Protein backbone atom coordinates (compact mmCIF):
# COMPACT_ATOMS: atom_id res chain seq x y z
CA UNK A 1 16.84 4.42 16.78
CA UNK A 2 13.53 4.60 15.11
CA UNK A 3 12.38 6.85 18.11
CA UNK A 4 15.55 9.14 17.81
CA UNK A 5 14.83 9.44 13.85
CA UNK A 6 11.02 10.14 14.48
CA UNK A 7 12.28 13.11 16.86
CA UNK A 8 14.76 14.69 14.44
CA UNK A 9 12.10 14.22 11.63
CA UNK A 10 9.36 16.43 13.90
CA UNK A 11 12.04 18.72 14.85
CA UNK A 12 13.03 19.51 11.17
CA UNK A 13 9.35 19.68 10.36
CA UNK A 14 8.88 22.28 13.11
CA UNK A 15 12.06 24.27 12.03
CA UNK A 16 10.84 24.45 8.53
CA UNK A 17 7.05 25.43 9.40
CA UNK A 18 8.88 28.28 11.71
CA UNK A 19 11.23 29.36 8.95
CA UNK A 20 7.97 29.31 6.55
CA UNK A 21 6.05 31.28 9.14
CA UNK A 22 9.17 33.75 9.35
CA UNK A 23 9.10 34.41 5.70
CA UNK A 24 5.32 34.81 5.51
CA UNK A 25 5.36 37.13 8.26
CA UNK A 26 8.23 39.12 7.02
CA UNK A 27 6.72 39.20 3.45
CA UNK A 28 3.13 40.49 4.79
CA UNK A 29 4.95 43.13 7.00
CA UNK A 30 6.69 44.58 4.23
CA UNK A 31 4.07 44.70 2.02
CA UNK A 32 3.58 48.37 0.32
CA UNK A 33 4.13 50.57 -2.96
CA UNK A 34 7.67 50.74 -3.89
CA UNK A 35 8.47 52.66 -7.03
CA UNK A 36 11.06 52.35 -9.22
CA UNK A 37 11.69 55.36 -11.92
CA UNK A 38 10.60 54.52 -14.97
CA UNK A 39 13.43 54.39 -18.19
CA UNK A 40 13.25 55.72 -21.40
CA UNK A 41 11.89 52.40 -22.91
CA UNK A 42 8.44 52.77 -21.10
CA UNK A 43 8.64 56.70 -20.90
CA UNK A 44 9.43 58.35 -24.11
CA UNK A 45 8.67 61.95 -22.94
CA UNK A 46 12.11 61.20 -21.20
CA UNK A 47 14.64 63.45 -23.03
CA UNK A 48 17.33 60.69 -24.96
CA UNK A 49 19.40 59.82 -27.83
CA UNK A 50 19.78 56.70 -29.68
CA UNK A 51 23.23 55.66 -31.46
CA UNK A 52 24.08 52.58 -32.79
CA UNK A 53 20.67 51.03 -31.40
CA UNK A 54 21.69 52.11 -28.03
CA UNK A 55 19.20 54.31 -26.28
CA UNK A 56 20.82 56.82 -23.62
CA UNK A 57 18.83 59.08 -21.42
CA UNK A 58 20.63 62.33 -21.91
CA UNK A 59 20.31 66.08 -21.28
CA UNK A 60 22.43 68.92 -22.66
CA UNK A 61 22.74 72.64 -21.39
CA UNK A 62 23.79 75.85 -23.17
CA UNK A 63 24.56 76.70 -26.58
CA UNK A 64 25.99 73.99 -29.01
CA UNK A 65 28.39 76.56 -30.53
CA UNK A 66 30.09 76.79 -27.27
CA UNK A 67 32.98 74.37 -26.34
CA UNK A 68 31.61 71.16 -25.18
CA UNK A 69 31.94 69.52 -21.86
CA UNK A 70 30.77 65.76 -21.27
CA UNK A 71 29.71 64.65 -17.95
CA UNK A 72 30.53 61.31 -16.67
CA UNK A 73 28.67 60.07 -13.78
CA UNK A 74 29.71 57.31 -11.20
CA UNK A 75 29.40 53.60 -10.35
CA UNK A 76 29.24 52.02 -12.29
CA UNK A 77 25.66 51.65 -11.84
CA UNK A 78 24.84 55.47 -10.36
CA UNK A 79 23.39 58.04 -12.91
CA UNK A 80 24.07 61.95 -13.59
CA UNK A 81 21.29 63.39 -11.36
CA UNK A 82 23.81 64.00 -8.38
CA UNK A 83 26.17 65.72 -11.02
CA UNK A 84 23.70 68.39 -12.30
CA UNK A 85 25.34 71.11 -10.17
CA UNK A 86 27.62 71.12 -13.06
CA UNK A 87 25.03 72.25 -15.34
CA UNK A 88 25.79 75.84 -13.91
CA UNK A 89 29.00 75.64 -16.65
CA UNK A 90 26.26 76.26 -19.38
CA UNK A 91 26.75 80.06 -19.74
CA UNK A 92 30.02 79.46 -20.92
CA UNK A 93 29.86 75.61 -22.43
CA UNK A 94 27.60 73.09 -23.97
CA UNK A 95 27.52 70.61 -21.06
CA UNK A 96 26.34 67.08 -21.79
CA UNK A 97 25.11 64.58 -19.21
CA UNK A 98 24.00 60.83 -19.97
CA UNK A 99 23.25 57.88 -17.92
CA UNK A 100 25.70 55.29 -19.24
CA UNK A 101 24.18 52.11 -20.80
CA UNK A 102 21.55 50.38 -18.26
CA UNK A 103 21.88 52.88 -15.82
CA UNK A 104 19.56 55.60 -14.39
CA UNK A 105 16.82 56.56 -16.87
CA UNK A 106 18.84 54.66 -19.69
CA UNK A 107 17.10 51.37 -20.86
CA UNK A 108 18.11 48.24 -19.07
CA UNK A 109 20.22 45.90 -21.04
CA UNK A 110 21.52 42.07 -20.68
CA UNK A 111 24.83 41.61 -18.48
CA UNK A 112 27.15 40.54 -21.10
CA UNK A 113 26.91 44.39 -22.40
CA UNK A 114 28.53 45.94 -19.43
CA UNK A 115 32.28 45.63 -20.44
CA UNK A 116 34.59 48.35 -20.63
CA UNK A 117 34.92 47.94 -24.52
CA UNK A 118 31.40 49.06 -24.87
CA UNK A 119 31.39 51.87 -22.18
CA UNK A 120 34.34 53.36 -24.36
CA UNK A 121 32.67 52.80 -27.53
CA UNK A 122 29.52 54.47 -25.95
CA UNK A 123 31.46 57.46 -24.94
CA UNK A 124 33.12 57.77 -28.42
CA UNK A 125 29.87 57.70 -29.93
CA UNK A 126 28.29 60.19 -27.64
CA UNK A 127 31.34 62.78 -28.53
CA UNK A 128 30.89 62.12 -31.99
CA UNK A 129 27.37 62.61 -31.80
CA UNK A 130 27.65 65.91 -29.98
CA UNK A 131 31.11 67.07 -31.08
CA UNK A 132 31.56 65.85 -34.64
CA UNK A 133 34.92 66.92 -35.61
CA UNK A 134 35.48 69.31 -32.43
CA UNK A 135 37.88 68.21 -29.57
CA UNK A 136 36.05 68.08 -25.94
CA UNK A 137 36.53 68.71 -22.81
CA UNK A 138 35.34 65.80 -20.35
CA UNK A 139 34.52 65.77 -16.33
CA UNK A 140 34.56 62.38 -14.59
CA UNK A 141 33.45 61.46 -11.24
CA UNK A 142 34.80 58.45 -9.49
CA UNK A 143 33.81 55.47 -11.94
CA UNK A 144 33.44 58.17 -14.51
CA UNK A 145 37.11 59.38 -14.25
CA UNK A 146 38.09 55.80 -14.28
CA UNK A 147 36.03 55.82 -17.60
CA UNK A 148 37.71 59.14 -18.36
CA UNK A 149 41.32 57.99 -18.14
CA UNK A 150 40.68 55.13 -20.16
CA UNK A 151 39.16 57.02 -22.81
CA UNK A 152 41.95 59.71 -22.71
CA UNK A 153 44.51 56.78 -23.44
CA UNK A 154 42.46 55.62 -26.56
CA UNK A 155 41.37 58.90 -28.05
CA UNK A 156 43.63 61.53 -26.87
CA UNK A 157 43.27 63.47 -29.99
CA UNK A 158 39.75 63.89 -29.29
CA UNK A 159 39.80 65.75 -25.68
CA UNK A 160 41.21 69.10 -24.95
CA UNK A 161 40.64 69.13 -21.02
CA UNK A 162 40.15 66.33 -18.55
CA UNK A 163 38.78 66.80 -15.07
CA UNK A 164 39.28 63.58 -12.87
CA UNK A 165 37.33 63.72 -9.58
CA UNK A 166 38.59 61.37 -6.97
CA UNK A 167 38.44 58.14 -9.79
CA UNK A 168 38.93 54.92 -8.22
CA UNK A 169 41.59 52.52 -9.15
CA UNK A 170 43.02 52.89 -12.61
CA UNK A 171 45.38 49.82 -12.37
CA UNK A 172 45.34 46.22 -11.41
CA UNK A 173 47.27 46.49 -8.44
CA UNK A 174 45.09 49.56 -7.37
CA UNK A 175 42.14 47.36 -7.88
CA UNK A 176 44.11 44.41 -5.44
CA UNK A 177 44.47 46.71 -2.81
CA UNK A 178 41.06 48.40 -2.86
CA UNK A 179 39.06 45.09 -2.82
CA UNK A 180 41.23 43.94 0.09
CA UNK A 181 40.66 46.59 1.97
CA UNK A 182 37.02 47.16 1.16
CA UNK A 183 35.05 44.13 3.12
CA UNK A 184 31.79 45.15 4.24
CA UNK A 185 31.47 44.77 7.97
CA UNK A 186 28.30 43.08 8.41
CA UNK A 187 26.85 44.30 11.87
CA UNK A 188 23.18 43.38 12.81
CA UNK A 189 21.68 46.67 11.69
CA UNK A 190 23.08 46.00 8.11
CA UNK A 191 21.73 42.32 7.94
CA UNK A 192 18.56 43.42 9.37
CA UNK A 193 18.33 46.27 6.49
CA UNK A 194 19.64 43.76 4.12
CA UNK A 195 16.80 41.66 4.77
CA UNK A 196 14.40 44.42 5.08
CA UNK A 197 15.57 45.48 1.53
CA UNK A 198 15.03 42.05 -0.06
CA UNK A 199 11.80 41.15 1.09
CA UNK A 200 10.58 45.15 0.09
CA UNK A 201 12.07 44.25 -3.38
CA UNK A 202 9.89 41.22 -3.73
CA UNK A 203 6.70 43.78 -3.91
CA UNK A 204 8.33 45.71 -6.70
CA UNK A 205 5.73 45.46 -9.74
CA UNK A 206 7.74 46.46 -12.75
CA UNK A 207 8.06 48.81 -14.49
CA UNK A 208 10.50 46.44 -16.10
CA UNK A 209 12.18 42.99 -15.28
CA UNK A 210 15.42 44.82 -13.61
CA UNK A 211 13.16 47.04 -11.33
CA UNK A 212 13.16 44.77 -8.63
CA UNK A 213 17.05 44.30 -8.70
CA UNK A 214 17.54 47.74 -9.05
CA UNK A 215 15.57 48.74 -5.77
CA UNK A 216 17.22 46.22 -3.82
CA UNK A 217 20.84 47.44 -4.80
CA UNK A 218 19.70 51.17 -4.13
CA UNK A 219 18.45 50.28 -0.83
CA UNK A 220 21.29 47.98 0.21
CA UNK A 221 23.93 50.74 -1.06
CA UNK A 222 22.55 53.99 -0.56
CA UNK A 223 20.72 53.42 2.87
CA UNK A 224 22.98 50.42 4.07
CA UNK A 225 26.18 49.67 3.16
CA UNK A 226 27.56 53.51 2.10
CA UNK A 227 26.79 54.10 5.61
CA UNK A 228 28.88 51.61 7.12
CA UNK A 229 32.66 51.05 7.65
CA UNK A 230 34.86 50.99 5.55
CA UNK A 231 32.32 53.03 2.80
CA UNK A 232 31.38 55.45 5.32
CA UNK A 233 34.86 57.10 5.04
CA UNK A 234 34.22 58.53 1.68
CA UNK A 235 32.53 61.19 3.40
CA UNK A 236 32.88 63.82 6.01
CA UNK A 237 32.70 62.57 9.59
CA UNK A 238 32.16 59.28 7.97
CA UNK A 239 28.27 60.29 7.48
CA UNK A 240 26.96 59.93 4.33
CA UNK A 241 24.27 62.61 5.19
CA UNK A 242 26.70 65.30 4.71
CA UNK A 243 27.01 64.36 1.25
CA UNK A 244 24.74 65.61 -1.70
CA UNK A 245 23.85 62.51 -3.52
CA UNK A 246 20.70 62.40 -5.63
CA UNK A 247 19.42 59.64 -8.09
CA UNK A 248 17.00 58.56 -10.09
CA UNK A 249 17.61 55.11 -10.16
CA UNK A 250 20.44 52.64 -9.31
CA UNK A 251 21.38 50.02 -12.01
CA UNK A 252 21.71 46.96 -9.94
CA UNK A 253 23.07 44.86 -12.71
CA UNK A 254 25.23 47.57 -14.35
CA UNK A 255 27.15 47.58 -10.86
CA UNK A 256 27.62 43.66 -10.32
CA UNK A 257 28.16 42.69 -14.18
CA UNK A 258 30.64 45.58 -14.84
CA UNK A 259 32.92 44.26 -12.02
CA UNK A 260 32.26 40.39 -12.76
CA UNK A 261 32.87 40.98 -16.19
CA UNK A 262 36.24 42.70 -15.79
CA UNK A 263 37.44 39.58 -13.46
CA UNK A 264 39.76 37.29 -14.23
CA UNK A 265 39.31 33.13 -13.56
CA UNK A 266 40.84 33.82 -10.08
CA UNK A 267 38.75 36.62 -9.17
CA UNK A 268 41.05 39.38 -9.81
CA UNK A 269 40.26 42.34 -11.37
CA UNK A 270 42.12 42.98 -14.71
CA UNK A 271 42.39 46.66 -15.27
CA UNK A 272 44.55 48.96 -17.17
CA UNK A 273 42.91 52.55 -17.34
CA UNK A 274 46.09 54.16 -18.15
CA UNK A 275 47.38 52.69 -21.33
CA UNK A 276 48.27 55.34 -23.81
CA UNK A 277 47.83 58.34 -21.40
CA UNK A 278 51.47 59.20 -21.80
CA UNK A 279 50.41 60.73 -25.66
CA UNK A 280 47.85 63.12 -23.62
CA UNK A 281 50.72 65.95 -23.22
CA UNK A 282 47.55 68.67 -22.17
CA UNK A 283 47.32 69.18 -18.60
CA UNK A 284 44.49 66.79 -16.55
CA UNK A 285 43.04 68.07 -13.56
CA UNK A 286 42.59 65.89 -10.78
CA UNK A 287 40.33 67.04 -7.86
CA UNK A 288 40.08 65.35 -4.70
CA UNK A 289 37.96 66.14 -1.49
CA UNK A 290 39.31 66.55 1.65
CA UNK A 291 37.61 64.07 3.87
CA UNK A 292 37.69 61.09 1.83
CA UNK A 293 40.30 58.78 2.97
CA UNK A 294 39.23 55.54 0.71
CA UNK A 295 40.31 57.30 -2.74
CA UNK A 296 40.97 60.83 -2.06
CA UNK A 297 43.94 62.90 -1.58
CA UNK A 298 46.47 59.81 -0.94
CA UNK A 299 45.51 57.71 -4.15
CA UNK A 300 45.04 60.76 -6.64
CA UNK A 301 48.71 61.79 -5.65
CA UNK A 302 49.61 58.51 -6.82
CA UNK A 303 47.49 58.85 -10.08
CA UNK A 304 49.35 62.00 -10.91
CA UNK A 305 52.47 59.98 -11.43
CA UNK A 306 50.95 58.35 -14.17
CA UNK A 307 50.33 61.33 -16.40
CA UNK A 308 52.95 63.27 -18.21
CA UNK A 309 50.89 66.82 -16.89
CA UNK A 310 48.59 66.87 -14.33
CA UNK A 311 47.62 68.78 -11.21
CA UNK A 312 45.91 68.01 -8.21
CA UNK A 313 43.35 70.42 -6.40
CA UNK A 314 41.85 69.42 -3.18
CA UNK A 315 38.50 70.69 -2.13
CA UNK A 316 38.14 71.59 1.65
CA UNK A 317 35.10 70.85 3.69
CA UNK A 318 34.22 67.93 1.55
CA UNK A 319 33.50 64.10 0.77
CA UNK A 320 33.25 62.27 -2.01
CA UNK A 321 30.33 63.97 -3.83
CA UNK A 322 32.07 67.37 -3.82
CA UNK A 323 30.05 69.19 -6.59
CA UNK A 324 27.15 68.81 -4.46
CA UNK A 325 28.43 69.51 -1.19
CA UNK A 326 30.74 72.54 -2.37
CA UNK A 327 29.42 73.68 -5.68
CA UNK A 328 30.71 77.00 -6.02
CA UNK A 329 34.24 76.09 -4.99
CA UNK A 330 33.96 73.05 -7.32
CA UNK A 331 32.70 75.14 -10.47
CA UNK A 332 35.27 77.94 -9.61
CA UNK A 333 38.46 75.45 -9.91
CA UNK A 334 36.88 73.65 -13.22
CA UNK A 335 36.38 77.28 -15.00
CA UNK A 336 39.97 78.34 -14.09
CA UNK A 337 41.18 75.07 -15.58
CA UNK A 338 39.27 75.16 -18.68
CA UNK A 339 40.25 78.81 -19.28
CA UNK A 340 43.98 78.18 -19.29
CA UNK A 341 45.56 78.25 -22.34
């Protein structure tokens, strides 16, 4: 018995030694300079606004005497860089972009701040900041479309026109279906990529205490998970390289905490992003891409039924990032809708 315990002890010791050697080998192999973009907190030259003690990276284009367009990016956790093709609207409109709380180049915040209530309050404050008493037009993409839907329901009198470009789940039922079918398939390539990203993140040195988390999340999602099934189905030919997805910096905590804070005790997402939309009688324009089979045409047809006055337009030869993939067609569709009486 003692001999057996001795053998087991030696085996455990050897295994621990091997694992430590493996750890330090990968750590040393991934040493490098992994830069993460500074936020407004560390670089005040970045265009920004401050409202109620919350700072946002924000940029505007066009004359502020024109009708206002507020652009809402996806995620939660992305930033507005990939939506900049929409700044071409600035010849006729005052176009406002902002990185949502704790995302992009906006300063990082604590996990408990990522709530729908805060996001809606931020949007309302930004609209008041730029529009004052005027109504605004909203363009929301993906998560931004979900946020726009909730805002329309809560503040219908503040919105003139709304473009909802492939919003995701708007109800708890849709959320449940989405979560059930979107399990990541961890093949060996993805596992290796995850490990590599984790080790690389260990070498990230600032500029703030969430930089390593953001780097890991950004690398894992944009260069890993979004390339694999079922997430690859967002894009034409199931290939993210066919999309146009520029970004400054993902918000890893913004993504995870926003989802976690919306869950009940059983781990189900509690969503009701259409409450009150029946009071918005102006036409809502839904945009879907031809290639996206996850939250594309079929889901947006269901969303049409939730609004009293809505239209769906499909952009051909495009995936989820339609504004970058097919900018001319996207702008043409939006301009036509905005010009309607």
